[in-house]
Amino acid sequence: MGTSQDGDRLFGSLGSFRKAWPKRGWTWDSRLSCVASSFGVDLVSEARAAIALAFPREWSQRNLGRASQELQELATASGGIRPDQLIFSADAQGGLTAYALWWPWGDEVTISLRVGLLGATAVRAEYRLRDTFNALE
């Protein structure tokens, strides 16, 4: 089990990511229990730079088999990963793993990013995640 310092580092990293994110609005996605933001393809470079601050690992259809069982189960629970979709992840801290789902809409204009937590204490950490992204409503 991780320490509260691990959790503080995790949420500090997520806070830095949020500040660097090129769009400001985040909403709560109750279906997947994560925060979500949509952006135009014109912001892909800025979005990828922000993602790199908190999510050093990138998973696609090709390499998902090497991801943790938890991430593979997330991919399945979210409907699988199409060739244009990605999952980014951070190393586990405080018993939690932060992830980001990169979901192009298929219109070649819009992409959604969903950020959530995996782990035994993820449900208990949901409020802190929502608060970090100002997605409390």
Protein backbone atom coordinates (compact mmCIF):
# COMPACT_ATOMS: atom_id res chain seq x y z
CA MET A 1 0.00 0.00 0.00
CA GLY A 2 1.27 3.47 -0.82
CA THR A 3 1.69 6.45 1.43
CA SER A 4 -0.24 9.70 1.47
CA GLN A 5 2.94 11.31 0.09
CA ASP A 6 2.60 9.03 -2.95
CA GLY A 7 -0.98 10.23 -3.40
CA ASP A 8 0.15 13.84 -3.02
CA ARG A 9 2.77 13.31 -5.75
CA LEU A 10 0.18 11.71 -8.01
CA PHE A 11 -2.31 14.55 -7.60
CA GLY A 12 0.49 17.11 -7.87
CA SER A 13 1.40 15.61 -11.23
CA LEU A 14 -2.26 15.65 -12.31
CA GLY A 15 -2.52 19.29 -11.20
CA SER A 16 0.52 20.21 -13.33
CA PHE A 17 -1.04 18.37 -16.26
CA ARG A 18 -4.31 20.25 -15.82
CA LYS A 19 -2.52 23.63 -15.77
CA ALA A 20 -0.71 22.75 -19.02
CA TRP A 21 -3.83 21.38 -20.73
CA PRO A 22 -4.69 23.54 -23.77
CA LYS A 23 -8.44 23.53 -23.02
CA ARG A 24 -9.84 24.67 -19.69
CA GLY A 25 -13.14 22.84 -19.32
CA TRP A 26 -13.36 19.43 -17.66
CA THR A 27 -16.57 17.53 -16.97
CA TRP A 28 -17.35 14.39 -15.03
CA ASP A 29 -18.02 11.25 -17.08
CA SER A 30 -20.13 9.16 -14.72
CA ARG A 31 -20.19 6.19 -17.09
CA LEU A 32 -16.42 5.68 -16.79
CA SER A 33 -15.89 7.57 -13.48
CA CYS A 34 -13.35 9.95 -14.93
CA VAL A 35 -12.97 13.58 -15.97
CA ALA A 36 -13.25 14.46 -19.65
CA SER A 37 -12.23 17.28 -21.97
CA SER A 38 -12.70 17.60 -25.73
CA PHE A 39 -10.41 19.55 -28.02
CA GLY A 40 -9.79 20.19 -31.70
CA VAL A 41 -7.12 18.43 -33.70
CA ASP A 42 -5.37 21.80 -34.02
CA LEU A 43 -4.33 21.38 -30.37
CA VAL A 44 -2.83 17.88 -30.67
CA SER A 45 0.78 19.05 -30.15
CA GLU A 46 -0.11 21.05 -27.03
CA ALA A 47 -2.27 18.21 -25.71
CA ARG A 48 0.50 15.64 -26.23
CA ALA A 49 3.02 17.93 -24.46
CA ALA A 50 0.67 18.26 -21.46
CA ILE A 51 0.02 14.51 -21.38
CA ALA A 52 3.77 13.84 -21.26
CA LEU A 53 3.95 15.74 -17.95
CA ALA A 54 1.86 13.17 -16.09
CA PHE A 55 1.50 10.07 -18.26
CA PRO A 56 4.87 8.73 -19.49
CA ARG A 57 3.53 5.42 -20.85
CA GLU A 58 1.57 5.11 -24.09
CA TRP A 59 -0.51 2.08 -25.01
CA SER A 60 -2.11 1.28 -28.35
CA GLN A 61 -3.76 -1.71 -29.96
CA ARG A 62 -0.28 -2.96 -30.87
CA ASN A 63 1.35 -2.95 -27.43
CA LEU A 64 -1.59 -3.18 -25.00
CA GLY A 65 -0.74 -6.84 -24.34
CA ARG A 66 2.36 -5.62 -22.47
CA ALA A 67 0.34 -3.27 -20.23
CA SER A 68 -0.75 -4.20 -16.73
CA GLN A 69 -3.79 -6.43 -16.33
CA GLU A 70 -5.63 -3.43 -14.85
CA LEU A 71 -5.03 -1.33 -17.97
CA GLN A 72 -6.03 -4.20 -20.25
CA GLU A 73 -9.27 -4.58 -18.27
CA LEU A 74 -9.85 -0.82 -18.55
CA ALA A 75 -9.47 -1.05 -22.32
CA THR A 76 -12.04 -3.86 -22.44
CA ALA A 77 -14.46 -2.07 -20.07
CA SER A 78 -14.30 1.12 -22.15
CA GLY A 79 -15.22 -0.73 -25.34
CA GLY A 80 -11.81 -1.84 -26.55
CA ILE A 81 -9.17 0.22 -28.32
CA ARG A 82 -9.58 1.13 -31.98
CA PRO A 83 -6.45 1.75 -34.08
CA ASP A 84 -6.72 5.53 -33.54
CA GLN A 85 -7.26 5.35 -29.77
CA LEU A 86 -4.59 5.40 -27.06
CA ILE A 87 -4.28 4.87 -23.34
CA PHE A 88 -1.64 6.83 -21.46
CA SER A 89 -0.64 5.84 -17.95
CA ALA A 90 1.52 6.85 -15.04
CA ASP A 91 3.37 4.60 -12.64
CA ALA A 92 1.30 3.50 -9.65
CA GLN A 93 1.58 5.80 -6.64
CA GLY A 94 -0.20 5.41 -3.35
CA GLY A 95 -2.04 2.34 -4.66
CA LEU A 96 -3.43 4.33 -7.61
CA THR A 97 -2.59 4.43 -11.29
CA ALA A 98 -3.61 7.51 -13.26
CA TYR A 99 -4.60 6.96 -16.87
CA ALA A 100 -5.80 9.00 -19.82
CA LEU A 101 -7.96 7.71 -22.68
CA TRP A 102 -7.31 9.43 -26.04
CA TRP A 103 -10.47 9.05 -28.12
CA PRO A 104 -10.72 10.69 -31.54
CA TRP A 105 -14.36 11.20 -32.47
CA GLY A 106 -13.98 9.89 -36.01
CA ASP A 107 -14.87 13.27 -37.52
CA GLU A 108 -11.17 14.20 -37.94
CA VAL A 109 -11.94 17.40 -36.00
CA THR A 110 -12.43 16.51 -32.32
CA ILE A 111 -10.65 14.35 -29.74
CA SER A 112 -11.74 13.59 -26.18
CA LEU A 113 -9.37 12.89 -23.34
CA ARG A 114 -10.65 11.13 -20.26
CA VAL A 115 -8.52 11.00 -17.11
CA GLY A 116 -9.21 8.52 -14.36
CA LEU A 117 -7.75 6.35 -11.66
CA LEU A 118 -7.28 2.62 -11.27
CA GLY A 119 -6.59 0.76 -8.05
CA ALA A 120 -8.16 -0.49 -4.88
CA THR A 121 -8.70 3.03 -3.55
CA ALA A 122 -9.78 4.66 -6.83
CA VAL A 123 -13.41 5.11 -5.76
CA ARG A 124 -12.31 6.84 -2.55
CA ALA A 125 -10.04 9.14 -4.56
CA GLU A 126 -12.76 10.19 -7.05
CA TYR A 127 -13.64 13.39 -5.17
CA ARG A 128 -10.00 14.48 -5.14
CA LEU A 129 -9.75 13.75 -8.87
CA ARG A 130 -12.90 15.77 -9.57
CA ASP A 131 -11.65 18.59 -7.35
CA THR A 132 -8.24 18.64 -9.09
CA PHE A 133 -9.98 19.15 -12.44
CA ASN A 134 -12.78 21.38 -11.13
CA ALA A 135 -15.34 18.85 -12.37
CA LEU A 136 -17.48 18.71 -9.23
CA GLU A 137 -20.87 19.29 -10.86
